[in-house]
Amino acid sequence: MNKSTAAGDNGIKPKEQFVHSVFEKIAGKYDTMNDILSFRRHKAWRRFAMDKMAMRRGDTAVDLCCGTCDWSIAMAESSETGCVMGLDFSEGMLAVGRRKVEERGLADRISLVQGNAMNLPFGDCSFDYATIGFGLRNVPDPIQVLSEMKRVVKPGGMVVCLELSKPTVQPFKGIYYFYLTRMLPLLGKLFAKSYEQYRWLPESLAMFPDRRQLEQIFRETGLERVKSFPLTGGIAALHIGLKENVDV
């Protein structure tokens, strides 16, 4: 995925500007639309990811593109005492997430910050886990984001990506792409008054690596023991890699 050239004097690239505008517009409807468009499967995918992560009491995490904070909340509850940092560049999404964090009584253990996943404002080896959920396909340079995730996890720490993917088996593949390109934008218009924003989703997926390609990118980033898991016929995938443990 090629980097965009800078736009204007604010240093924000065209793709980043567009993605930011998308999520600012749909923030209030984001959770509802996720339920509708994935038939609530995104909740099962996140539970599967948490099972594979096997967090322990006191583990810490940073959740990139945290959106409305469902994954941040799940990790804070799983670690019981560990702190979780959520980062997103959409203040509208963070505002929704902040309310959910407060409602769950987790404001003392979940900190939210507006920031750029390509340039994380955290020190090296700061967290046990770095996660990104349905955000990697939206960034200008996925390799840069994965490199940053690797940088901020401790030796032996885990980098985790949950993302939409590309089914390969017919006839499910054909049915899925018909839904994605024809039905999904119409549902976005009906329920969120956002036709253009949801028409962009299949376009973003078309340019994104498939499961095996992303698995290789994980390895090229220097992550070890890389695994990927297709979910719901391959329409989503979980990728996991470990940072080298220098003590081993």
Protein backbone atom coordinates (compact mmCIF):
# COMPACT_ATOMS: atom_id res chain seq x y z
CA MET A 1 0.00 0.00 0.00
CA ASN A 2 1.70 3.19 -1.13
CA LYS A 3 2.10 6.14 1.15
CA SER A 4 0.16 9.21 0.19
CA THR A 5 1.83 12.56 -0.27
CA ALA A 6 1.31 15.20 2.35
CA ALA A 7 -1.74 17.43 2.00
CA GLY A 8 -1.67 21.08 2.90
CA ASP A 9 0.40 22.46 5.75
CA ASN A 10 -1.00 20.28 8.53
CA GLY A 11 1.09 17.22 7.68
CA ILE A 12 -1.97 14.97 7.42
CA LYS A 13 -1.97 12.73 4.38
CA PRO A 14 -5.05 12.52 2.12
CA LYS A 15 -5.90 8.96 3.18
CA GLU A 16 -5.60 9.87 6.84
CA GLN A 17 -7.79 12.92 6.30
CA PHE A 18 -10.46 10.85 4.61
CA VAL A 19 -10.41 8.04 7.18
CA HIS A 20 -10.56 10.60 9.98
CA SER A 21 -13.61 12.25 8.40
CA VAL A 22 -15.28 8.84 7.99
CA PHE A 23 -14.96 7.90 11.65
CA GLU A 24 -15.84 11.33 12.94
CA LYS A 25 -19.08 11.11 10.95
CA ILE A 26 -20.09 7.58 11.96
CA ALA A 27 -18.81 7.55 15.58
CA GLY A 28 -22.26 7.73 17.14
CA LYS A 29 -23.56 4.85 15.01
CA TYR A 30 -20.37 2.78 14.92
CA ASP A 31 -21.33 0.10 17.46
CA THR A 32 -24.81 -0.36 16.03
CA MET A 33 -23.48 -0.61 12.49
CA ASN A 34 -20.86 -3.16 13.52
CA ASP A 35 -23.62 -5.36 14.93
CA ILE A 36 -25.75 -5.01 11.79
CA LEU A 37 -23.03 -5.37 9.19
CA SER A 38 -21.21 -8.32 10.79
CA PHE A 39 -24.39 -9.99 12.11
CA ARG A 40 -22.77 -9.52 15.55
CA ARG A 41 -19.91 -11.82 14.58
CA HIS A 42 -17.35 -9.18 15.58
CA LYS A 43 -18.09 -9.99 19.21
CA ALA A 44 -17.29 -13.68 18.68
CA TRP A 45 -14.13 -12.75 16.77
CA ARG A 46 -12.95 -10.62 19.68
CA ARG A 47 -13.68 -13.41 22.16
CA PHE A 48 -11.64 -15.79 20.00
CA ALA A 49 -8.77 -13.29 19.96
CA MET A 50 -8.88 -12.96 23.74
CA ASP A 51 -8.77 -16.75 24.12
CA LYS A 52 -5.66 -16.94 21.93
CA MET A 53 -4.00 -14.04 23.77
CA ALA A 54 -4.42 -15.75 27.15
CA MET A 55 -3.83 -12.60 29.18
CA ARG A 56 -2.75 -13.01 32.79
CA ARG A 57 -3.55 -10.93 35.83
CA GLY A 58 -1.60 -7.67 35.73
CA ASP A 59 -0.74 -7.76 32.01
CA THR A 60 -0.61 -4.40 30.26
CA ALA A 61 -1.68 -3.53 26.71
CA VAL A 62 -1.94 -0.78 24.15
CA ASP A 63 -4.94 -0.92 21.83
CA LEU A 64 -4.38 0.98 18.56
CA CYS A 65 -7.29 2.37 16.55
CA CYS A 66 -9.26 1.54 19.70
CA GLY A 67 -12.41 3.24 18.41
CA THR A 68 -15.22 2.89 20.92
CA CYS A 69 -13.02 0.76 23.18
CA ASP A 70 -14.68 -2.67 23.17
CA TRP A 71 -11.32 -4.43 22.92
CA SER A 72 -9.67 -2.08 25.43
CA ILE A 73 -12.43 -2.90 27.92
CA ALA A 74 -12.16 -6.65 27.30
CA MET A 75 -8.41 -6.56 27.95
CA ALA A 76 -8.73 -4.48 31.11
CA GLU A 77 -11.33 -6.89 32.47
CA SER A 78 -9.21 -9.90 31.53
CA SER A 79 -6.02 -8.60 33.12
CA GLU A 80 -8.00 -7.59 36.23
CA THR A 81 -5.31 -5.24 37.55
CA GLY A 82 -3.21 -4.30 34.51
CA CYS A 83 -3.44 -0.94 32.76
CA VAL A 84 -4.60 -0.57 29.16
CA MET A 85 -3.83 2.38 26.89
CA GLY A 86 -6.27 3.06 24.06
CA LEU A 87 -5.17 5.20 21.11
CA ASP A 88 -7.23 6.54 18.23
CA PHE A 89 -6.99 9.61 16.02
CA SER A 90 -10.76 10.24 16.02
CA GLU A 91 -11.88 12.25 19.01
CA GLY A 92 -15.48 11.41 18.13
CA MET A 93 -14.78 7.69 18.52
CA LEU A 94 -12.81 8.27 21.72
CA ALA A 95 -15.70 10.26 23.19
CA VAL A 96 -18.02 7.27 22.73
CA GLY A 97 -15.36 4.95 24.13
CA ARG A 98 -14.73 7.19 27.12
CA ARG A 99 -18.39 6.98 28.12
CA LYS A 100 -18.32 3.17 27.89
CA VAL A 101 -15.12 2.98 29.97
CA GLU A 102 -16.67 5.14 32.68
CA GLU A 103 -19.90 3.12 32.67
CA ARG A 104 -17.87 -0.06 33.28
CA GLY A 105 -15.98 1.58 36.13
CA LEU A 106 -12.63 1.15 34.38
CA ALA A 107 -11.46 4.75 34.11
CA ASP A 108 -8.71 4.06 36.65
CA ARG A 109 -7.18 1.35 34.43
CA ILE A 110 -7.97 2.44 30.87
CA SER A 111 -6.35 5.62 29.59
CA LEU A 112 -7.39 7.03 26.22
CA VAL A 113 -5.24 9.25 24.04
CA GLN A 114 -5.73 10.83 20.64
CA GLY A 115 -2.75 9.91 18.48
CA ASN A 116 -1.31 8.41 15.31
CA ALA A 117 -0.75 4.65 15.11
CA MET A 118 2.18 5.25 12.76
CA ASN A 119 4.10 7.20 15.39
CA LEU A 120 3.24 5.95 18.86
CA PRO A 121 3.90 8.29 21.79
CA PHE A 122 5.14 5.44 24.01
CA GLY A 123 8.58 4.22 24.97
CA ASP A 124 10.22 1.02 23.82
CA CYS A 125 9.22 -2.21 25.58
CA SER A 126 6.31 -0.62 27.47
CA PHE A 127 3.50 -3.20 27.15
CA ASP A 128 2.85 -6.94 27.27
CA TYR A 129 0.44 -6.71 24.31
CA ALA A 130 -0.14 -4.41 21.37
CA THR A 131 -3.44 -4.88 19.55
CA ILE A 132 -5.19 -3.34 16.57
CA GLY A 133 -8.78 -4.21 15.69
CA PHE A 134 -10.23 -3.41 12.26
CA GLY A 135 -7.80 -0.54 11.86
CA LEU A 136 -4.73 -1.83 10.03
CA ARG A 137 -6.33 -1.59 6.59
CA ASN A 138 -7.11 2.09 7.25
CA VAL A 139 -3.55 3.29 7.83
CA PRO A 140 -1.24 4.61 5.07
CA ASP A 141 1.54 2.14 5.91
CA PRO A 142 0.63 -1.12 7.72
CA ILE A 143 4.29 -2.15 7.96
CA GLN A 144 5.14 1.03 9.84
CA VAL A 145 2.27 0.42 12.27
CA LEU A 146 3.31 -3.18 12.89
CA SER A 147 6.90 -2.02 13.44
CA GLU A 148 5.68 0.49 16.01
CA MET A 149 3.61 -2.20 17.72
CA LYS A 150 6.65 -4.45 17.88
CA ARG A 151 8.75 -1.59 19.27
CA VAL A 152 6.44 -0.81 22.19
CA VAL A 153 5.90 -4.39 23.40
CA LYS A 154 8.31 -6.01 25.81
CA PRO A 155 10.61 -8.86 24.75
CA GLY A 156 8.34 -11.89 24.53
CA GLY A 157 5.33 -9.60 24.13
CA MET A 158 2.55 -10.21 21.65
CA VAL A 159 1.42 -8.19 18.61
CA VAL A 160 -2.20 -8.95 17.68
CA CYS A 161 -4.25 -7.86 14.67
CA LEU A 162 -7.95 -8.61 14.16
CA GLU A 163 -9.02 -7.47 10.72
CA LEU A 164 -11.42 -8.08 7.86
CA SER A 165 -10.01 -10.48 5.29
CA LYS A 166 -10.80 -12.16 1.98
CA PRO A 167 -12.67 -15.47 1.73
CA THR A 168 -11.43 -17.79 -1.01
CA VAL A 169 -13.99 -20.60 -1.24
CA GLN A 170 -16.93 -20.40 -3.66
CA PRO A 171 -19.86 -19.91 -3.58
CA PHE A 172 -19.40 -18.18 -0.23
CA LYS A 173 -16.80 -15.80 -1.71
CA GLY A 174 -19.22 -14.56 -4.37
CA ILE A 175 -22.09 -14.14 -1.92
CA TYR A 176 -19.86 -12.26 0.51
CA TYR A 177 -18.51 -9.84 -2.09
CA PHE A 178 -22.02 -9.16 -3.36
CA TYR A 179 -23.06 -8.30 0.19
CA LEU A 180 -19.93 -6.23 0.78
CA THR A 181 -20.11 -4.15 -2.39
CA ARG A 182 -23.86 -3.90 -2.99
CA MET A 183 -25.74 -4.40 0.26
CA LEU A 184 -23.40 -2.97 2.87
CA PRO A 185 -23.35 0.62 1.51
CA LEU A 186 -27.15 0.59 1.33
CA LEU A 187 -27.37 -0.56 4.95
CA GLY A 188 -24.96 2.21 5.88
CA LYS A 189 -27.21 4.73 4.16
CA LEU A 190 -30.35 3.31 5.80
CA PHE A 191 -29.10 3.00 9.39
CA ALA A 192 -26.28 5.56 9.63
CA LYS A 193 -27.10 8.02 6.82
CA SER A 194 -23.58 7.32 5.54
CA TYR A 195 -23.62 5.78 2.06
CA GLU A 196 -20.22 7.08 0.90
CA GLN A 197 -18.50 6.11 4.14
CA TYR A 198 -19.67 2.50 3.90
CA ARG A 199 -19.04 2.28 0.17
CA TRP A 200 -15.42 3.00 1.04
CA LEU A 201 -15.12 -0.10 3.27
CA PRO A 202 -15.01 -2.69 0.44
CA GLU A 203 -12.61 -0.42 -1.45
CA SER A 204 -10.24 -0.37 1.53
CA LEU A 205 -10.42 -4.15 1.79
CA ALA A 206 -9.67 -4.66 -1.90
CA MET A 207 -6.25 -3.02 -1.52
CA PHE A 208 -5.41 -4.81 1.74
CA PRO A 209 -3.25 -7.98 1.89
CA ASP A 210 -5.03 -11.31 2.26
CA ARG A 211 -4.48 -13.53 5.29
CA ARG A 212 -1.36 -15.28 4.01
CA GLN A 213 0.16 -12.06 2.72
CA LEU A 214 -0.38 -10.33 6.05
CA GLU A 215 1.12 -13.33 7.80
CA GLN A 216 4.28 -12.83 5.71
CA ILE A 217 4.32 -9.11 6.51
CA PHE A 218 4.27 -10.00 10.21
CA ARG A 219 7.38 -12.13 9.65
CA GLU A 220 9.11 -9.46 7.58
CA THR A 221 8.52 -7.01 10.42
CA GLY A 222 10.64 -9.29 12.60
CA LEU A 223 7.88 -10.94 14.60
CA GLU A 224 8.30 -14.59 15.50
CA ARG A 225 6.04 -17.63 15.89
CA VAL A 226 3.53 -15.93 13.61
CA LYS A 227 0.09 -17.54 13.38
CA SER A 228 -3.10 -16.59 11.57
CA PHE A 229 -6.63 -17.85 11.98
CA PRO A 230 -9.44 -17.43 9.41
CA LEU A 231 -12.77 -16.49 10.98
CA THR A 232 -16.33 -17.02 9.68
CA GLY A 233 -15.33 -18.47 6.34
CA GLY A 234 -12.38 -16.11 6.00
CA ILE A 235 -14.24 -12.80 6.08
CA ALA A 236 -12.05 -11.86 9.04
CA ALA A 237 -8.70 -13.08 10.32
CA LEU A 238 -6.69 -12.99 13.52
CA HIS A 239 -2.91 -12.57 13.25
CA ILE A 240 -0.53 -13.04 16.18
CA GLY A 241 3.25 -12.61 16.41
CA LEU A 242 5.74 -12.47 19.25
CA LYS A 243 8.62 -10.08 19.77
CA GLU A 244 11.93 -11.86 20.18
CA ASN A 245 12.70 -12.62 23.79
CA VAL A 246 16.34 -11.70 24.17
CA ASP A 247 16.58 -13.67 27.41
CA VAL A 248 15.86 -16.99 25.69
